[in-house]
Amino acid sequence: MSRKMMVSSIMTQNVIVASKSSKFSQLIEFFTEHNIRHLPVTNGDELIGIISQKDMLRYLGMKLRNGAAFNMASLDANFDIADVITLNPVTVKPDDNLELVFSILAEGKFQAVPVVKDGMVHGIISNKDLMKLFPEAIRD
């Protein structure tokens, strides 16, 4: 692997995105049906934030700690994406090199970075994507 390899060479291109009006159930469906852990959030075509499975679990934990009884209908009715979104996430561009991504993710603050060009989501790159570069590390 070359340190100068571009982000576009390993990013996930067909990205599932949420909108600022997504319901709780829609987000859960995206996570479970597509087996993903991070969702970029857009307003129209423009990236405004990112949500992770961990953010959603934290939201549910807060509801439980506050003694809220809930079901999916009540979660959808009372859900505000602003309660879970990380606004203005760190991003990279498709033509950035992987060295930049490694340095961002190595900080340990998050596990995925949206790939953005001209404000629009072109992909996402995660720890999991980077691990695919090292198949010898997972062989028996």
C-alpha atoms as a PDB file:
ATOM      1  CA  MET A   1       0.000   0.000   0.000  1.00  0.00           C
ATOM      2  CA  SER A   2       1.279   3.430  -0.898  1.00  0.00           C
ATOM      3  CA  ARG A   3       0.869   6.261   1.604  1.00  0.00           C
ATOM      4  CA  LYS A   4      -0.079   8.394  -1.397  1.00  0.00           C
ATOM      5  CA  MET A   5      -2.992   6.160  -2.412  1.00  0.00           C
ATOM      6  CA  MET A   6      -6.065   8.320  -2.859  1.00  0.00           C
ATOM      7  CA  VAL A   7      -9.177   8.146  -0.690  1.00  0.00           C
ATOM      8  CA  SER A   8     -11.311   7.514  -3.791  1.00  0.00           C
ATOM      9  CA  SER A   9      -9.541   4.195  -4.331  1.00  0.00           C
ATOM     10  CA  ILE A  10     -10.989   2.565  -1.204  1.00  0.00           C
ATOM     11  CA  MET A  11     -13.932   4.708  -0.056  1.00  0.00           C
ATOM     12  CA  THR A  12     -17.445   3.315  -0.081  1.00  0.00           C
ATOM     13  CA  GLN A  13     -19.042   5.125  -2.991  1.00  0.00           C
ATOM     14  CA  ASN A  14     -22.711   4.188  -2.814  1.00  0.00           C
ATOM     15  CA  VAL A  15     -23.375   5.892   0.483  1.00  0.00           C
ATOM     16  CA  ILE A  16     -26.663   5.654   2.323  1.00  0.00           C
ATOM     17  CA  VAL A  17     -27.458   9.117   3.664  1.00  0.00           C
ATOM     18  CA  ALA A  18     -30.057  10.436   6.067  1.00  0.00           C
ATOM     19  CA  SER A  19     -31.780  13.777   5.759  1.00  0.00           C
ATOM     20  CA  LYS A  20     -32.349  16.315   8.483  1.00  0.00           C
ATOM     21  CA  SER A  21     -36.011  15.223   8.506  1.00  0.00           C
ATOM     22  CA  SER A  22     -35.345  11.464   8.879  1.00  0.00           C
ATOM     23  CA  LYS A  23     -37.403   9.657  11.478  1.00  0.00           C
ATOM     24  CA  PHE A  24     -35.923   7.477  14.194  1.00  0.00           C
ATOM     25  CA  SER A  25     -37.265   4.316  12.538  1.00  0.00           C
ATOM     26  CA  GLN A  26     -35.718   5.275   9.195  1.00  0.00           C
ATOM     27  CA  LEU A  27     -32.292   5.663  10.758  1.00  0.00           C
ATOM     28  CA  ILE A  28     -32.578   2.313  12.528  1.00  0.00           C
ATOM     29  CA  GLU A  29     -33.669   0.715   9.258  1.00  0.00           C
ATOM     30  CA  PHE A  30     -30.657   2.175   7.426  1.00  0.00           C
ATOM     31  CA  PHE A  31     -28.271   0.836  10.079  1.00  0.00           C
ATOM     32  CA  THR A  32     -29.777  -2.648  10.230  1.00  0.00           C
ATOM     33  CA  GLU A  33     -30.719  -3.328   6.609  1.00  0.00           C
ATOM     34  CA  HIS A  34     -27.487  -2.003   5.132  1.00  0.00           C
ATOM     35  CA  ASN A  35     -25.204  -3.255   7.922  1.00  0.00           C
ATOM     36  CA  ILE A  36     -23.578   0.139   8.362  1.00  0.00           C
ATOM     37  CA  ARG A  37     -22.431   2.037  11.430  1.00  0.00           C
ATOM     38  CA  HIS A  38     -22.336   5.644  10.205  1.00  0.00           C
ATOM     39  CA  LEU A  39     -24.766   7.808   8.274  1.00  0.00           C
ATOM     40  CA  PRO A  40     -23.897  11.121   6.715  1.00  0.00           C
ATOM     41  CA  VAL A  41     -26.782  13.581   7.122  1.00  0.00           C
ATOM     42  CA  THR A  42     -27.642  15.973   4.334  1.00  0.00           C
ATOM     43  CA  ASN A  43     -29.822  18.989   3.754  1.00  0.00           C
ATOM     44  CA  GLY A  44     -30.669  18.540   0.104  1.00  0.00           C
ATOM     45  CA  ASP A  45     -27.334  17.463  -1.371  1.00  0.00           C
ATOM     46  CA  GLU A  46     -25.148  19.264   1.163  1.00  0.00           C
ATOM     47  CA  LEU A  47     -23.518  17.430   4.072  1.00  0.00           C
ATOM     48  CA  ILE A  48     -24.517  18.894   7.434  1.00  0.00           C
ATOM     49  CA  GLY A  49     -23.495  16.142   9.845  1.00  0.00           C
ATOM     50  CA  ILE A  50     -23.057  12.476  10.662  1.00  0.00           C
ATOM     51  CA  ILE A  51     -24.813  10.004  12.957  1.00  0.00           C
ATOM     52  CA  SER A  52     -23.458   6.694  14.249  1.00  0.00           C
ATOM     53  CA  GLN A  53     -25.083   3.639  15.772  1.00  0.00           C
ATOM     54  CA  LYS A  54     -23.422   4.684  19.015  1.00  0.00           C
ATOM     55  CA  ASP A  55     -25.190   8.062  18.840  1.00  0.00           C
ATOM     56  CA  MET A  56     -28.535   6.303  18.446  1.00  0.00           C
ATOM     57  CA  LEU A  57     -27.842   3.999  21.399  1.00  0.00           C
ATOM     58  CA  ARG A  58     -26.848   6.999  23.506  1.00  0.00           C
ATOM     59  CA  TYR A  59     -30.168   8.644  22.557  1.00  0.00           C
ATOM     60  CA  LEU A  60     -32.129   5.551  23.642  1.00  0.00           C
ATOM     61  CA  GLY A  61     -30.134   5.362  26.873  1.00  0.00           C
ATOM     62  CA  MET A  62     -31.030   8.982  27.635  1.00  0.00           C
ATOM     63  CA  LYS A  63     -34.718   8.204  27.069  1.00  0.00           C
ATOM     64  CA  LEU A  64     -34.510   5.218  29.424  1.00  0.00           C
ATOM     65  CA  ARG A  65     -32.651   7.181  32.118  1.00  0.00           C
ATOM     66  CA  ASN A  66     -35.357   9.832  31.962  1.00  0.00           C
ATOM     67  CA  GLY A  67     -37.978   7.131  32.601  1.00  0.00           C
ATOM     68  CA  ALA A  68     -39.622   7.474  29.196  1.00  0.00           C
ATOM     69  CA  ALA A  69     -41.827   4.627  28.080  1.00  0.00           C
ATOM     70  CA  PHE A  70     -41.584   4.387  24.338  1.00  0.00           C
ATOM     71  CA  ASN A  71     -42.285   2.406  21.222  1.00  0.00           C
ATOM     72  CA  MET A  72     -41.306   3.049  17.615  1.00  0.00           C
ATOM     73  CA  ALA A  73     -44.320   5.286  16.972  1.00  0.00           C
ATOM     74  CA  SER A  74     -43.535   7.513  19.951  1.00  0.00           C
ATOM     75  CA  LEU A  75     -39.835   7.578  19.063  1.00  0.00           C
ATOM     76  CA  ASP A  76     -40.691   8.715  15.542  1.00  0.00           C
ATOM     77  CA  ALA A  77     -43.164  11.320  16.819  1.00  0.00           C
ATOM     78  CA  ASN A  78     -40.737  12.844  19.321  1.00  0.00           C
ATOM     79  CA  PHE A  79     -37.437  12.369  17.520  1.00  0.00           C
ATOM     80  CA  ASP A  80     -35.372  15.364  16.499  1.00  0.00           C
ATOM     81  CA  ILE A  81     -32.240  14.513  14.549  1.00  0.00           C
ATOM     82  CA  ALA A  82     -30.590  17.545  16.172  1.00  0.00           C
ATOM     83  CA  ASP A  83     -30.460  15.499  19.390  1.00  0.00           C
ATOM     84  CA  VAL A  84     -28.054  12.957  17.880  1.00  0.00           C
ATOM     85  CA  ILE A  85     -26.271  14.537  14.938  1.00  0.00           C
ATOM     86  CA  THR A  86     -22.634  15.566  14.992  1.00  0.00           C
ATOM     87  CA  LEU A  87     -22.670  18.804  13.022  1.00  0.00           C
ATOM     88  CA  ASN A  88     -19.886  19.850  10.674  1.00  0.00           C
ATOM     89  CA  PRO A  89     -17.968  16.565  10.808  1.00  0.00           C
ATOM     90  CA  VAL A  90     -14.349  16.264   9.796  1.00  0.00           C
ATOM     91  CA  THR A  91     -14.264  15.351   6.111  1.00  0.00           C
ATOM     92  CA  VAL A  92     -11.776  14.430   3.431  1.00  0.00           C
ATOM     93  CA  LYS A  93     -11.828  14.877  -0.351  1.00  0.00           C
ATOM     94  CA  PRO A  94     -11.747  12.030  -2.886  1.00  0.00           C
ATOM     95  CA  ASP A  95      -8.282  13.082  -4.048  1.00  0.00           C
ATOM     96  CA  ASP A  96      -6.786  13.324  -0.546  1.00  0.00           C
ATOM     97  CA  ASN A  97      -4.247  10.643   0.282  1.00  0.00           C
ATOM     98  CA  LEU A  98      -4.878   7.848   2.762  1.00  0.00           C
ATOM     99  CA  GLU A  99      -2.176   9.135   5.057  1.00  0.00           C
ATOM    100  CA  LEU A 100      -4.550  11.968   5.983  1.00  0.00           C
ATOM    101  CA  VAL A 101      -7.365   9.517   6.738  1.00  0.00           C
ATOM    102  CA  PHE A 102      -5.074   7.374   8.890  1.00  0.00           C
ATOM    103  CA  SER A 103      -4.030  10.417  10.907  1.00  0.00           C
ATOM    104  CA  ILE A 104      -7.640  11.545  11.422  1.00  0.00           C
ATOM    105  CA  LEU A 105      -8.956   8.135  12.464  1.00  0.00           C
ATOM    106  CA  ALA A 106      -5.896   7.366  14.589  1.00  0.00           C
ATOM    107  CA  GLU A 107      -6.966  10.132  16.962  1.00  0.00           C
ATOM    108  CA  GLY A 108      -9.778   7.786  18.025  1.00  0.00           C
ATOM    109  CA  LYS A 109     -12.533  10.397  18.167  1.00  0.00           C
ATOM    110  CA  PHE A 110     -14.616   8.612  15.530  1.00  0.00           C
ATOM    111  CA  GLN A 111     -14.456   5.632  13.206  1.00  0.00           C
ATOM    112  CA  ALA A 112     -15.582   7.058   9.851  1.00  0.00           C
ATOM    113  CA  VAL A 113     -15.017  10.146   7.747  1.00  0.00           C
ATOM    114  CA  PRO A 114     -17.361  11.413   5.025  1.00  0.00           C
ATOM    115  CA  VAL A 115     -15.730  12.016   1.664  1.00  0.00           C
ATOM    116  CA  VAL A 116     -16.958  15.350   0.354  1.00  0.00           C
ATOM    117  CA  LYS A 117     -16.373  17.416  -2.757  1.00  0.00           C
ATOM    118  CA  ASP A 118     -17.996  20.814  -3.240  1.00  0.00           C
ATOM    119  CA  GLY A 119     -20.165  20.221  -0.162  1.00  0.00           C
ATOM    120  CA  MET A 120     -21.675  17.008  -1.554  1.00  0.00           C
ATOM    121  CA  VAL A 121     -21.136  13.490  -0.190  1.00  0.00           C
ATOM    122  CA  HIS A 122     -19.157  11.352  -2.631  1.00  0.00           C
ATOM    123  CA  GLY A 123     -18.349   8.528  -0.236  1.00  0.00           C
ATOM    124  CA  ILE A 124     -17.390   7.494   3.252  1.00  0.00           C
ATOM    125  CA  ILE A 125     -14.266   5.845   4.569  1.00  0.00           C
ATOM    126  CA  SER A 126     -14.118   3.930   7.834  1.00  0.00           C
ATOM    127  CA  ASN A 127     -11.697   1.985   9.977  1.00  0.00           C
ATOM    128  CA  LYS A 128     -13.180  -1.127   8.403  1.00  0.00           C
ATOM    129  CA  ASP A 129     -12.254   0.110   4.914  1.00  0.00           C
ATOM    130  CA  LEU A 130      -8.683   0.764   6.027  1.00  0.00           C
ATOM    131  CA  MET A 131      -8.378  -2.692   7.569  1.00  0.00           C
ATOM    132  CA  LYS A 132      -9.169  -4.231   4.172  1.00  0.00           C
ATOM    133  CA  LEU A 133      -5.810  -2.895   3.006  1.00  0.00           C
ATOM    134  CA  PHE A 134      -4.053  -5.312   5.318  1.00  0.00           C
ATOM    135  CA  PRO A 135      -5.361  -8.801   4.535  1.00  0.00           C
ATOM    136  CA  GLU A 136      -2.181 -10.424   5.830  1.00  0.00           C
ATOM    137  CA  ALA A 137      -3.038  -9.108   9.305  1.00  0.00           C
ATOM    138  CA  ILE A 138      -6.188 -11.221   9.471  1.00  0.00           C
ATOM    139  CA  ARG A 139      -4.892 -14.486   7.989  1.00  0.00           C
ATOM    140  CA  ASP A 140      -4.430 -17.568  10.137  1.00  0.00           C
END
